[in-house]
Amino acid sequence: MPDPSQCPTCGRPLKYGGLVLTVREDDGKRTCRALWKCATRHLWWQWSDRPDAPLETCPVPSLFA
């Protein structure tokens, strides 16, 4: 999976934060999301099995901050 380089909100560099196992709503598959965060504490994730998928805002940042 290619590493996203910049935070879409502030433009600061993103740092990899690990994988989160979730259930995808559209197909019911259990799969991982890669977690990314910047120094400004913006939290993003994307499907690890869909490398071209855009970053999405993490809906539960308090779990990973």
Protein backbone atom coordinates (compact mmCIF):
# COMPACT_ATOMS: atom_id res chain seq x y z
CA MET A 1 0.00 0.00 0.00
CA PRO A 2 1.46 3.37 -0.90
CA ASP A 3 2.04 5.69 2.04
CA PRO A 4 0.04 8.90 1.99
CA SER A 5 2.56 11.68 2.46
CA GLN A 6 0.54 14.66 3.69
CA CYS A 7 -2.46 15.33 5.88
CA PRO A 8 -5.38 16.40 3.64
CA THR A 9 -6.44 18.97 6.26
CA CYS A 10 -3.23 20.74 7.26
CA GLY A 11 -0.58 19.47 4.82
CA ARG A 12 1.76 18.20 7.55
CA PRO A 13 3.50 14.82 7.15
CA LEU A 14 1.52 11.73 8.11
CA LYS A 15 2.89 9.00 10.37
CA TYR A 16 1.75 5.38 10.17
CA GLY A 17 -0.17 4.35 13.29
CA GLY A 18 -0.86 0.64 12.74
CA LEU A 19 -3.74 -1.52 11.54
CA VAL A 20 -7.29 -1.70 12.85
CA LEU A 21 -9.46 -4.76 12.15
CA THR A 22 -13.00 -3.71 11.18
CA VAL A 23 -16.03 -5.00 9.32
CA ARG A 24 -16.67 -3.26 6.02
CA GLU A 25 -20.33 -2.29 5.67
CA ASP A 26 -20.64 -2.62 1.90
CA ASP A 27 -19.57 -6.29 1.71
CA GLY A 28 -19.57 -7.51 5.34
CA LYS A 29 -15.89 -8.53 5.08
CA ARG A 30 -13.55 -8.32 8.06
CA THR A 31 -10.54 -6.39 6.86
CA CYS A 32 -7.92 -3.99 8.15
CA ARG A 33 -7.71 -0.25 7.91
CA ALA A 34 -4.34 1.48 8.01
CA LEU A 35 -4.31 4.33 10.54
CA TRP A 36 -2.45 7.58 9.77
CA LYS A 37 -1.99 10.69 11.92
CA CYS A 38 -0.21 14.02 11.71
CA ALA A 39 1.43 16.19 14.39
CA THR A 40 -1.72 18.33 14.51
CA ARG A 41 -3.59 15.19 15.67
CA HIS A 42 -5.75 14.74 12.57
CA LEU A 43 -6.54 11.04 12.28
CA TRP A 44 -7.17 9.27 8.97
CA TRP A 45 -7.61 5.71 7.82
CA GLN A 46 -7.96 3.78 4.58
CA TRP A 47 -8.72 0.20 3.60
CA SER A 48 -5.49 -1.78 3.51
CA ASP A 49 -6.80 -4.06 0.74
CA ARG A 50 -7.77 -1.07 -1.44
CA PRO A 51 -4.52 0.85 -1.93
CA ASP A 52 -6.07 3.39 -4.30
CA ALA A 53 -8.88 4.23 -1.88
CA PRO A 54 -8.81 7.78 -0.51
CA LEU A 55 -8.07 8.56 3.11
CA GLU A 56 -11.17 8.88 5.28
CA THR A 57 -11.54 10.73 8.55
CA CYS A 58 -11.39 8.27 11.44
CA PRO A 59 -14.83 8.36 13.12
CA VAL A 60 -13.49 7.42 16.58
CA PRO A 61 -10.27 9.42 17.08
CA SER A 62 -10.52 9.17 20.87
CA LEU A 63 -9.70 5.44 20.64
CA PHE A 64 -6.35 6.11 18.95
CA ALA A 65 -5.20 9.54 20.15
